Amino acid sequence: MLARPTQGRRSQGGAEGQLGLTLMMMMMMMMVVAVVAEAASVEEVESEESEEVLEEEEILEPLTSDLSRVSPLSSWLIFRRNSNKGDNRRTKGTRRTSKHGLPGPPGPPGPQGPRGPPGPTAPLLPQQQMVLQELQLRLKDMEGVCFQCDATPRVSTSFLGRLLQDVVVPRRSLLELQPFSQPLDSERSLQRGRSFNSSSGRFTAAVSGFYQLTASLLIESGDRVHARPRDSVRAAVCIESLCQSNLSVDSVVGVAAAGGTFSILLTGTLHLQAAEYVSVFVDNSSGSALSVLQDSLFSGILLGV
């Protein structure tokens, strides 16, 4: 009679033990879920490394002070903190992007720099030294020798003009001869420079120097009956049309002695300044008109400065 109540009590105690075990397992599952949720929240906070370190230090300081309160969360945080140290440290790429956009094309080259000092000269070969010494000796022997003294001088200025038509010179008058014709093809070689004006019959000096001037005039007397012994014709090459004051090349011929058609030849040297001009004048002091015939010549050449 006493054994039955004892069996009932044992069955009731086993049921209570199973219920406690079930409750324990449910609590452990809830703790695991809580740990996973907390770990996920920690990963979301990982965007900034500085904030992450501060949060871990704030959490680990109270946990590490008391080892009896170690929890799954603290273990996870300690593991994550130590996994990024030493050889296990992860390198994060820079997240900052350029503010200037894509690089542009290369610019133009800069200016050329200053020239550097000359390099060392290469030594001459023995043969080159001998040739150089021989050349220096020859140049020394030729000192004072004028290479151009025996050379033919080059004519830089010359002209030749022929009177274009007959020119009548009235009695007792002074007349400048003009115009002159252009040189013929056979006479172009005698033209050097363009200082002679054929229209005015004037030659203008391009440079100061000594000029050889020549005039060959063919003159015809109009009336021999009225010619007097003192009648004469004077021809002259004058500077700046001033035959009386400036030096000139002239010649005088008596009309009575010459009679008919005669010629006058003028030739001489004058020193002209640059831009001064010379021309031919005929002074008829006779009592009748004279004619200077066509093709009378006027020429000149620069002798030197």
C-alpha atoms as a PDB file:
ATOM      1  CA  MET A   1       0.000   0.000   0.000  1.00  0.00           C
ATOM      2  CA  LEU A   2       2.934   2.331   0.692  1.00  0.00           C
ATOM      3  CA  ALA A   3       4.777   1.661  -2.626  1.00  0.00           C
ATOM      4  CA  ARG A   4       2.269   3.301  -4.972  1.00  0.00           C
ATOM      5  CA  PRO A   5       2.553   6.856  -3.662  1.00  0.00           C
ATOM      6  CA  THR A   6       6.346   6.661  -4.039  1.00  0.00           C
ATOM      7  CA  GLN A   7       6.114   5.756  -7.779  1.00  0.00           C
ATOM      8  CA  GLY A   8       3.784   8.667  -8.431  1.00  0.00           C
ATOM      9  CA  ARG A   9       6.244  11.080  -6.958  1.00  0.00           C
ATOM     10  CA  ARG A  10       9.127   9.805  -9.162  1.00  0.00           C
ATOM     11  CA  SER A  11       7.124  10.267 -12.346  1.00  0.00           C
ATOM     12  CA  GLN A  12       6.236  13.799 -11.356  1.00  0.00           C
ATOM     13  CA  GLY A  13       9.942  14.680 -10.694  1.00  0.00           C
ATOM     14  CA  GLY A  14      11.049  13.380 -14.139  1.00  0.00           C
ATOM     15  CA  ALA A  15       8.534  15.584 -15.916  1.00  0.00           C
ATOM     16  CA  GLU A  16       9.787  18.610 -14.064  1.00  0.00           C
ATOM     17  CA  GLY A  17      13.388  17.814 -15.102  1.00  0.00           C
ATOM     18  CA  GLN A  18      12.464  17.580 -18.749  1.00  0.00           C
ATOM     19  CA  LEU A  19      10.673  20.910 -18.561  1.00  0.00           C
ATOM     20  CA  GLY A  20      13.734  22.581 -17.034  1.00  0.00           C
ATOM     21  CA  LEU A  21      15.975  21.168 -19.714  1.00  0.00           C
ATOM     22  CA  THR A  22      13.685  22.495 -22.420  1.00  0.00           C
ATOM     23  CA  LEU A  23      13.715  25.932 -20.822  1.00  0.00           C
ATOM     24  CA  MET A  24      17.524  25.882 -20.712  1.00  0.00           C
ATOM     25  CA  MET A  25      17.789  25.049 -24.409  1.00  0.00           C
ATOM     26  CA  MET A  26      15.352  27.825 -25.339  1.00  0.00           C
ATOM     27  CA  MET A  27      17.414  30.343 -23.356  1.00  0.00           C
ATOM     28  CA  MET A  28      20.641  29.277 -25.085  1.00  0.00           C
ATOM     29  CA  MET A  29      18.987  29.641 -28.523  1.00  0.00           C
ATOM     30  CA  MET A  30      17.796  33.118 -27.596  1.00  0.00           C
ATOM     31  CA  MET A  31      21.336  34.019 -26.531  1.00  0.00           C
ATOM     32  CA  VAL A  32      22.752  32.799 -29.868  1.00  0.00           C
ATOM     33  CA  VAL A  33      20.167  34.852 -31.764  1.00  0.00           C
ATOM     34  CA  ALA A  34      21.067  37.869 -29.669  1.00  0.00           C
ATOM     35  CA  VAL A  35      24.778  37.388 -30.411  1.00  0.00           C
ATOM     36  CA  VAL A  36      24.134  37.129 -34.156  1.00  0.00           C
ATOM     37  CA  ALA A  37      21.974  40.267 -34.092  1.00  0.00           C
ATOM     38  CA  GLU A  38      24.596  42.167 -32.167  1.00  0.00           C
ATOM     39  CA  ALA A  39      27.342  41.038 -34.606  1.00  0.00           C
ATOM     40  CA  ALA A  40      25.250  42.244 -37.570  1.00  0.00           C
ATOM     41  CA  SER A  41      24.800  45.634 -35.952  1.00  0.00           C
ATOM     42  CA  VAL A  42      28.551  45.856 -35.385  1.00  0.00           C
ATOM     43  CA  GLU A  43      29.213  45.180 -39.085  1.00  0.00           C
ATOM     44  CA  GLU A  44      26.881  48.033 -40.054  1.00  0.00           C
ATOM     45  CA  VAL A  45      28.820  50.386 -37.802  1.00  0.00           C
ATOM     46  CA  GLU A  46      32.079  49.404 -39.676  1.00  0.00           C
ATOM     47  CA  SER A  47      31.826  52.286 -42.225  1.00  0.00           C
ATOM     48  CA  GLU A  48      34.270  54.518 -40.345  1.00  0.00           C
ATOM     49  CA  GLU A  49      37.368  52.911 -38.827  1.00  0.00           C
ATOM     50  CA  SER A  50      37.832  55.546 -36.149  1.00  0.00           C
ATOM     51  CA  GLU A  51      34.310  55.158 -34.762  1.00  0.00           C
ATOM     52  CA  GLU A  52      34.663  51.371 -34.826  1.00  0.00           C
ATOM     53  CA  VAL A  53      37.835  51.489 -32.698  1.00  0.00           C
ATOM     54  CA  LEU A  54      36.222  53.824 -30.185  1.00  0.00           C
ATOM     55  CA  GLU A  55      33.136  51.639 -29.815  1.00  0.00           C
ATOM     56  CA  GLU A  56      35.241  48.485 -29.372  1.00  0.00           C
ATOM     57  CA  GLU A  57      37.371  50.157 -26.727  1.00  0.00           C
ATOM     58  CA  GLU A  58      34.300  51.352 -24.866  1.00  0.00           C
ATOM     59  CA  ILE A  59      32.818  47.837 -24.891  1.00  0.00           C
ATOM     60  CA  LEU A  60      36.022  45.912 -24.146  1.00  0.00           C
ATOM     61  CA  GLU A  61      37.253  48.053 -21.251  1.00  0.00           C
ATOM     62  CA  PRO A  62      34.528  46.945 -18.795  1.00  0.00           C
ATOM     63  CA  LEU A  63      34.588  43.388 -20.126  1.00  0.00           C
ATOM     64  CA  THR A  64      38.334  42.797 -19.860  1.00  0.00           C
ATOM     65  CA  SER A  65      38.423  44.238 -16.340  1.00  0.00           C
ATOM     66  CA  ASP A  66      36.350  41.334 -15.058  1.00  0.00           C
ATOM     67  CA  LEU A  67      37.107  37.965 -16.659  1.00  0.00           C
ATOM     68  CA  SER A  68      34.154  36.366 -14.837  1.00  0.00           C
ATOM     69  CA  ARG A  69      31.743  38.346 -17.094  1.00  0.00           C
ATOM     70  CA  VAL A  70      33.073  37.081 -20.462  1.00  0.00           C
ATOM     71  CA  SER A  71      30.246  36.759 -22.995  1.00  0.00           C
ATOM     72  CA  PRO A  72      30.008  35.623 -26.642  1.00  0.00           C
ATOM     73  CA  LEU A  73      29.788  39.305 -27.741  1.00  0.00           C
ATOM     74  CA  SER A  74      33.036  40.269 -26.032  1.00  0.00           C
ATOM     75  CA  SER A  75      34.802  37.232 -27.469  1.00  0.00           C
ATOM     76  CA  TRP A  76      33.662  38.173 -30.991  1.00  0.00           C
ATOM     77  CA  LEU A  77      34.853  41.766 -30.583  1.00  0.00           C
ATOM     78  CA  ILE A  78      38.253  40.704 -29.223  1.00  0.00           C
ATOM     79  CA  PHE A  79      38.663  38.329 -32.181  1.00  0.00           C
ATOM     80  CA  ARG A  80      37.800  41.040 -34.729  1.00  0.00           C
ATOM     81  CA  ARG A  81      40.134  43.578 -33.093  1.00  0.00           C
ATOM     82  CA  ASN A  82      43.129  41.238 -33.085  1.00  0.00           C
ATOM     83  CA  SER A  83      42.495  39.845 -36.577  1.00  0.00           C
ATOM     84  CA  ASN A  84      43.484  43.187 -38.188  1.00  0.00           C
ATOM     85  CA  LYS A  85      46.930  43.460 -36.603  1.00  0.00           C
ATOM     86  CA  GLY A  86      50.412  42.373 -37.642  1.00  0.00           C
ATOM     87  CA  ASP A  87      50.568  40.097 -40.687  1.00  0.00           C
ATOM     88  CA  ASN A  88      46.778  39.876 -40.778  1.00  0.00           C
ATOM     89  CA  ARG A  89      46.304  43.619 -41.255  1.00  0.00           C
ATOM     90  CA  ARG A  90      44.118  44.479 -44.242  1.00  0.00           C
ATOM     91  CA  THR A  91      44.966  47.397 -46.467  1.00  0.00           C
ATOM     92  CA  LYS A  92      42.027  49.514 -47.553  1.00  0.00           C
ATOM     93  CA  GLY A  93      42.147  51.420 -50.798  1.00  0.00           C
ATOM     94  CA  THR A  94      41.663  55.147 -50.850  1.00  0.00           C
ATOM     95  CA  ARG A  95      38.057  56.114 -51.189  1.00  0.00           C
ATOM     96  CA  ARG A  96      38.760  59.733 -52.043  1.00  0.00           C
ATOM     97  CA  THR A  97      38.278  60.566 -55.738  1.00  0.00           C
ATOM     98  CA  SER A  98      40.066  63.279 -57.696  1.00  0.00           C
ATOM     99  CA  LYS A  99      38.438  66.695 -57.692  1.00  0.00           C
ATOM    100  CA  HIS A 100      39.969  67.681 -61.059  1.00  0.00           C
ATOM    101  CA  GLY A 101      38.456  65.047 -63.342  1.00  0.00           C
ATOM    102  CA  LEU A 102      40.358  63.117 -65.991  1.00  0.00           C
ATOM    103  CA  PRO A 103      43.917  64.246 -66.913  1.00  0.00           C
ATOM    104  CA  GLY A 104      44.144  66.417 -70.028  1.00  0.00           C
ATOM    105  CA  PRO A 105      46.518  66.165 -72.999  1.00  0.00           C
ATOM    106  CA  PRO A 106      50.204  67.049 -72.490  1.00  0.00           C
ATOM    107  CA  GLY A 107      51.099  70.715 -72.829  1.00  0.00           C
ATOM    108  CA  PRO A 108      53.501  72.240 -75.358  1.00  0.00           C
ATOM    109  CA  PRO A 109      57.249  71.872 -74.783  1.00  0.00           C
ATOM    110  CA  GLY A 110      58.934  74.591 -72.759  1.00  0.00           C
ATOM    111  CA  PRO A 111      61.553  77.024 -74.062  1.00  0.00           C
ATOM    112  CA  GLN A 112      65.014  75.803 -74.855  1.00  0.00           C
ATOM    113  CA  GLY A 113      67.430  76.139 -72.012  1.00  0.00           C
ATOM    114  CA  PRO A 114      70.727  78.014 -72.136  1.00  0.00           C
ATOM    115  CA  ARG A 115      73.578  76.488 -74.035  1.00  0.00           C
ATOM    116  CA  GLY A 116      76.007  74.576 -71.925  1.00  0.00           C
ATOM    117  CA  PRO A 117      79.737  75.143 -71.791  1.00  0.00           C
ATOM    118  CA  PRO A 118      81.767  73.742 -74.685  1.00  0.00           C
ATOM    119  CA  GLY A 119      83.187  70.324 -74.204  1.00  0.00           C
ATOM    120  CA  PRO A 120      86.847  69.514 -74.236  1.00  0.00           C
ATOM    121  CA  THR A 121      88.516  69.747 -77.642  1.00  0.00           C
ATOM    122  CA  ALA A 122      89.906  66.582 -79.093  1.00  0.00           C
ATOM    123  CA  PRO A 123      93.690  66.518 -79.390  1.00  0.00           C
ATOM    124  CA  LEU A 124      95.136  66.955 -82.865  1.00  0.00           C
ATOM    125  CA  LEU A 125      96.852  64.102 -84.595  1.00  0.00           C
ATOM    126  CA  PRO A 126     100.577  64.459 -85.327  1.00  0.00           C
ATOM    127  CA  GLN A 127      99.864  64.890 -89.051  1.00  0.00           C
ATOM    128  CA  GLN A 128      97.357  67.664 -88.336  1.00  0.00           C
ATOM    129  CA  GLN A 129      99.815  69.469 -86.090  1.00  0.00           C
ATOM    130  CA  MET A 130     102.461  69.409 -88.828  1.00  0.00           C
ATOM    131  CA  VAL A 131     100.042  70.844 -91.409  1.00  0.00           C
ATOM    132  CA  LEU A 132      98.972  73.586 -88.994  1.00  0.00           C
ATOM    133  CA  GLN A 133     102.557  74.566 -88.240  1.00  0.00           C
ATOM    134  CA  GLU A 134     103.412  74.693 -91.939  1.00  0.00           C
ATOM    135  CA  LEU A 135     100.415  76.907 -92.628  1.00  0.00           C
ATOM    136  CA  GLN A 136     101.376  79.289 -89.833  1.00  0.00           C
ATOM    137  CA  LEU A 137     104.904  79.590 -91.234  1.00  0.00           C
ATOM    138  CA  ARG A 138     103.587  80.384 -94.709  1.00  0.00           C
ATOM    139  CA  LEU A 139     101.220  83.042 -93.371  1.00  0.00           C
ATOM    140  CA  LYS A 140     104.080  84.609 -91.441  1.00  0.00           C
ATOM    141  CA  ASP A 141     106.210  84.812 -94.588  1.00  0.00           C
ATOM    142  CA  MET A 142     103.335  86.456 -96.495  1.00  0.00           C
ATOM    143  CA  GLU A 143     102.891  89.344 -94.047  1.00  0.00           C
ATOM    144  CA  GLY A 144     102.834  92.684 -95.820  1.00  0.00           C
ATOM    145  CA  VAL A 145     101.924  91.147 -99.182  1.00  0.00           C
ATOM    146  CA  CYS A 146      98.964  92.812-100.950  1.00  0.00           C
ATOM    147  CA  PHE A 147      96.942  90.221-102.823  1.00  0.00           C
ATOM    148  CA  GLN A 148      94.705  92.765-104.560  1.00  0.00           C
ATOM    149  CA  CYS A 149      97.363  95.261-105.525  1.00  0.00           C
ATOM    150  CA  ASP A 150      98.145  93.473-108.802  1.00  0.00           C
ATOM    151  CA  ALA A 151      94.504  92.595-109.485  1.00  0.00           C
ATOM    152  CA  THR A 152      92.524  94.558-112.057  1.00  0.00           C
ATOM    153  CA  PRO A 153      90.311  97.087-110.243  1.00  0.00           C
ATOM    154  CA  ARG A 154      86.575  96.726-110.710  1.00  0.00           C
ATOM    155  CA  VAL A 155      84.742  99.646-112.327  1.00  0.00           C
ATOM    156  CA  SER A 156      81.718 100.460-110.195  1.00  0.00           C
ATOM    157  CA  THR A 157      80.485 103.658-111.955  1.00  0.00           C
ATOM    158  CA  SER A 158      80.657 104.707-115.621  1.00  0.00           C
ATOM    159  CA  PHE A 159      78.329 106.182-118.255  1.00  0.00           C
ATOM    160  CA  LEU A 160      78.161 107.103-121.928  1.00  0.00           C
ATOM    161  CA  GLY A 161      75.554 109.298-123.647  1.00  0.00           C
ATOM    162  CA  ARG A 162      75.002 110.608-127.157  1.00  0.00           C
ATOM    163  CA  LEU A 163      73.163 113.816-127.972  1.00  0.00           C
ATOM    164  CA  LEU A 164      69.706 112.824-129.152  1.00  0.00           C
ATOM    165  CA  GLN A 165      69.251 115.665-131.686  1.00  0.00           C
ATOM    166  CA  ASP A 166      70.880 118.855-132.959  1.00  0.00           C
ATOM    167  CA  VAL A 167      70.889 121.625-130.377  1.00  0.00           C
ATOM    168  CA  VAL A 168      70.947 125.263-131.558  1.00  0.00           C
ATOM    169  CA  VAL A 169      72.901 127.681-129.379  1.00  0.00           C
ATOM    170  CA  PRO A 170      71.857 131.298-130.018  1.00  0.00           C
ATOM    171  CA  ARG A 171      74.542 133.964-130.379  1.00  0.00           C
ATOM    172  CA  ARG A 172      76.060 135.348-127.223  1.00  0.00           C
ATOM    173  CA  SER A 173      74.316 132.803-124.982  1.00  0.00           C
ATOM    174  CA  LEU A 174      75.145 129.929-122.587  1.00  0.00           C
ATOM    175  CA  LEU A 175      73.213 126.657-123.008  1.00  0.00           C
ATOM    176  CA  GLU A 176      73.223 123.299-121.233  1.00  0.00           C
ATOM    177  CA  LEU A 177      73.174 120.355-123.656  1.00  0.00           C
ATOM    178  CA  GLN A 178      70.206 117.991-123.427  1.00  0.00           C
ATOM    179  CA  PRO A 179      68.602 115.520-124.037  1.00  0.00           C
ATOM    180  CA  PHE A 180      70.802 112.465-124.609  1.00  0.00           C
ATOM    181  CA  SER A 181      69.754 109.112-126.034  1.00  0.00           C
ATOM    182  CA  GLN A 182      69.804 105.752-124.307  1.00  0.00           C
ATOM    183  CA  PRO A 183      72.973 103.710-124.948  1.00  0.00           C
ATOM    184  CA  LEU A 184      72.977 101.301-127.853  1.00  0.00           C
ATOM    185  CA  ASP A 185      73.167  97.549-127.319  1.00  0.00           C
ATOM    186  CA  SER A 186      76.857  97.605-128.184  1.00  0.00           C
ATOM    187  CA  GLU A 187      77.430 100.367-125.597  1.00  0.00           C
ATOM    188  CA  ARG A 188      75.530  98.864-122.656  1.00  0.00           C
ATOM    189  CA  SER A 189      78.698  97.252-121.348  1.00  0.00           C
ATOM    190  CA  LEU A 190      80.015 100.787-120.733  1.00  0.00           C
ATOM    191  CA  GLN A 191      77.109 101.560-118.383  1.00  0.00           C
ATOM    192  CA  ARG A 192      77.783 100.882-114.688  1.00  0.00           C
ATOM    193  CA  GLY A 193      75.194 102.199-112.313  1.00  0.00           C
ATOM    194  CA  ARG A 194      72.200 104.438-112.971  1.00  0.00           C
ATOM    195  CA  SER A 195      73.618 107.835-112.074  1.00  0.00           C
ATOM    196  CA  PHE A 196      73.273 109.402-115.549  1.00  0.00           C
ATOM    197  CA  ASN A 197      69.962 111.095-116.403  1.00  0.00           C
ATOM    198  CA  SER A 198      69.642 111.106-120.199  1.00  0.00           C
ATOM    199  CA  SER A 199      66.716 113.538-120.181  1.00  0.00           C
ATOM    200  CA  SER A 200      68.533 116.314-118.332  1.00  0.00           C
ATOM    201  CA  GLY A 201      72.045 115.319-119.516  1.00  0.00           C
ATOM    202  CA  ARG A 202      73.307 115.344-115.882  1.00  0.00           C
ATOM    203  CA  PHE A 203      75.506 112.810-114.166  1.00  0.00           C
ATOM    204  CA  THR A 204      75.106 112.624-110.350  1.00  0.00           C
ATOM    205  CA  ALA A 205      77.967 111.197-108.283  1.00  0.00           C
ATOM    206  CA  ALA A 206      76.873 108.246-106.162  1.00  0.00           C
ATOM    207  CA  VAL A 207      79.973 108.454-103.971  1.00  0.00           C
ATOM    208  CA  SER A 208      82.622 111.060-103.354  1.00  0.00           C
ATOM    209  CA  GLY A 209      85.698 110.499-105.470  1.00  0.00           C
ATOM    210  CA  PHE A 210      87.743 111.368-108.543  1.00  0.00           C
ATOM    211  CA  TYR A 211      85.938 111.120-111.889  1.00  0.00           C
ATOM    212  CA  GLN A 212      87.401 111.170-115.368  1.00  0.00           C
ATOM    213  CA  LEU A 213      84.993 113.194-117.581  1.00  0.00           C
ATOM    214  CA  THR A 214      85.068 113.525-121.396  1.00  0.00           C
ATOM    215  CA  ALA A 215      82.941 115.445-123.912  1.00  0.00           C
ATOM    216  CA  SER A 216      83.401 115.277-127.689  1.00  0.00           C
ATOM    217  CA  LEU A 217      81.230 117.896-129.431  1.00  0.00           C
ATOM    218  CA  LEU A 218      80.690 118.356-133.145  1.00  0.00           C
ATOM    219  CA  ILE A 219      79.723 122.006-133.876  1.00  0.00           C
ATOM    220  CA  GLU A 220      78.556 123.654-137.078  1.00  0.00           C
ATOM    221  CA  SER A 221      78.932 127.388-137.646  1.00  0.00           C
ATOM    222  CA  GLY A 222      75.926 129.061-139.244  1.00  0.00           C
ATOM    223  CA  ASP A 223      77.496 131.992-141.151  1.00  0.00           C
ATOM    224  CA  ARG A 224      81.172 132.381-142.013  1.00  0.00           C
ATOM    225  CA  VAL A 225      80.818 135.856-143.657  1.00  0.00           C
ATOM    226  CA  HIS A 226      79.983 137.614-140.390  1.00  0.00           C
ATOM    227  CA  ALA A 227      82.590 135.773-138.312  1.00  0.00           C
ATOM    228  CA  ARG A 228      85.037 138.034-136.538  1.00  0.00           C
ATOM    229  CA  PRO A 229      88.500 137.151-135.269  1.00  0.00           C
ATOM    230  CA  ARG A 230      87.442 137.555-131.643  1.00  0.00           C
ATOM    231  CA  ASP A 231      84.416 135.294-131.994  1.00  0.00           C
ATOM    232  CA  SER A 232      84.859 132.039-130.086  1.00  0.00           C
ATOM    233  CA  VAL A 233      83.019 129.085-128.658  1.00  0.00           C
ATOM    234  CA  ARG A 234      83.695 127.785-125.174  1.00  0.00           C
ATOM    235  CA  ALA A 235      82.599 124.281-124.072  1.00  0.00           C
ATOM    236  CA  ALA A 236      82.852 123.171-120.448  1.00  0.00           C
ATOM    237  CA  VAL A 237      81.900 120.348-118.084  1.00  0.00           C
ATOM    238  CA  CYS A 238      80.647 122.215-115.006  1.00  0.00           C
ATOM    239  CA  ILE A 239      79.772 121.191-111.427  1.00  0.00           C
ATOM    240  CA  GLU A 240      76.272 122.119-110.240  1.00  0.00           C
ATOM    241  CA  SER A 241      75.838 124.366-113.358  1.00  0.00           C
ATOM    242  CA  LEU A 242      78.263 126.893-111.841  1.00  0.00           C
ATOM    243  CA  CYS A 243      80.842 127.192-114.593  1.00  0.00           C
ATOM    244  CA  GLN A 244      82.245 130.523-113.380  1.00  0.00           C
ATOM    245  CA  SER A 245      82.713 129.768-109.681  1.00  0.00           C
ATOM    246  CA  ASN A 246      83.369 126.022-109.580  1.00  0.00           C
ATOM    247  CA  LEU A 247      86.278 124.171-111.086  1.00  0.00           C
ATOM    248  CA  SER A 248      85.420 122.816-114.535  1.00  0.00           C
ATOM    249  CA  VAL A 249      86.920 121.069-117.559  1.00  0.00           C
ATOM    250  CA  ASP A 250      86.711 123.493-120.519  1.00  0.00           C
ATOM    251  CA  SER A 251      88.096 124.313-123.930  1.00  0.00           C
ATOM    252  CA  VAL A 252      87.852 127.417-126.169  1.00  0.00           C
ATOM    253  CA  VAL A 253      87.920 127.431-129.992  1.00  0.00           C
ATOM    254  CA  GLY A 254      87.894 130.450-132.326  1.00  0.00           C
ATOM    255  CA  VAL A 255      85.009 130.371-134.796  1.00  0.00           C
ATOM    256  CA  ALA A 256      86.844 132.321-137.546  1.00  0.00           C
ATOM    257  CA  ALA A 257      89.846 130.011-137.433  1.00  0.00           C
ATOM    258  CA  ALA A 258      87.762 126.852-137.371  1.00  0.00           C
ATOM    259  CA  GLY A 259      85.030 127.843-139.809  1.00  0.00           C
ATOM    260  CA  GLY A 260      82.303 125.488-141.123  1.00  0.00           C
ATOM    261  CA  THR A 261      82.010 122.339-139.005  1.00  0.00           C
ATOM    262  CA  PHE A 262      84.522 121.714-136.252  1.00  0.00           C
ATOM    263  CA  SER A 263      84.849 119.640-133.075  1.00  0.00           C
ATOM    264  CA  ILE A 264      85.764 120.388-129.476  1.00  0.00           C
ATOM    265  CA  LEU A 265      87.256 117.717-127.208  1.00  0.00           C
ATOM    266  CA  LEU A 266      87.060 118.082-123.437  1.00  0.00           C
ATOM    267  CA  THR A 267      88.740 115.645-121.033  1.00  0.00           C
ATOM    268  CA  GLY A 268      89.867 115.998-117.441  1.00  0.00           C
ATOM    269  CA  THR A 269      89.496 114.863-113.840  1.00  0.00           C
ATOM    270  CA  LEU A 270      87.174 116.433-111.278  1.00  0.00           C
ATOM    271  CA  HIS A 271      86.629 115.578-107.624  1.00  0.00           C
ATOM    272  CA  LEU A 272      82.937 115.305-106.907  1.00  0.00           C
ATOM    273  CA  GLN A 273      81.173 115.045-103.593  1.00  0.00           C
ATOM    274  CA  ALA A 274      78.354 112.560-103.228  1.00  0.00           C
ATOM    275  CA  ALA A 275      75.090 113.879-104.787  1.00  0.00           C
ATOM    276  CA  GLU A 276      76.870 116.566-106.858  1.00  0.00           C
ATOM    277  CA  TYR A 277      76.115 116.563-110.591  1.00  0.00           C
ATOM    278  CA  VAL A 278      78.037 117.592-113.720  1.00  0.00           C
ATOM    279  CA  SER A 279      76.770 118.531-117.200  1.00  0.00           C
ATOM    280  CA  VAL A 280      78.036 120.000-120.498  1.00  0.00           C
ATOM    281  CA  PHE A 281      77.609 123.705-121.321  1.00  0.00           C
ATOM    282  CA  VAL A 282      78.305 125.602-124.583  1.00  0.00           C
ATOM    283  CA  ASP A 283      79.025 129.333-124.397  1.00  0.00           C
ATOM    284  CA  ASN A 284      78.547 130.984-127.841  1.00  0.00           C
ATOM    285  CA  SER A 285      80.205 134.407-127.834  1.00  0.00           C
ATOM    286  CA  SER A 286      80.062 134.766-131.614  1.00  0.00           C
ATOM    287  CA  GLY A 287      77.690 136.969-133.560  1.00  0.00           C
ATOM    288  CA  SER A 288      75.741 134.083-135.112  1.00  0.00           C
ATOM    289  CA  ALA A 289      73.972 130.954-133.879  1.00  0.00           C
ATOM    290  CA  LEU A 290      75.767 127.635-133.652  1.00  0.00           C
ATOM    291  CA  SER A 291      74.481 124.048-133.778  1.00  0.00           C
ATOM    292  CA  VAL A 292      75.805 121.198-131.692  1.00  0.00           C
ATOM    293  CA  LEU A 293      75.214 118.210-133.885  1.00  0.00           C
ATOM    294  CA  GLN A 294      73.536 114.937-133.008  1.00  0.00           C
ATOM    295  CA  ASP A 295      75.651 112.046-131.620  1.00  0.00           C
ATOM    296  CA  SER A 296      78.012 114.358-129.745  1.00  0.00           C
ATOM    297  CA  LEU A 297      79.390 112.311-126.795  1.00  0.00           C
ATOM    298  CA  PHE A 298      79.473 112.793-123.032  1.00  0.00           C
ATOM    299  CA  SER A 299      81.067 110.110-120.823  1.00  0.00           C
ATOM    300  CA  GLY A 300      82.616 109.600-117.423  1.00  0.00           C
ATOM    301  CA  ILE A 301      84.121 106.989-115.104  1.00  0.00           C
ATOM    302  CA  LEU A 302      84.931 106.762-111.396  1.00  0.00           C
ATOM    303  CA  LEU A 303      88.697 106.502-110.918  1.00  0.00           C
ATOM    304  CA  GLY A 304      88.784 106.111-107.159  1.00  0.00           C
ATOM    305  CA  VAL A 305      87.884 107.603-103.822  1.00  0.00           C
END
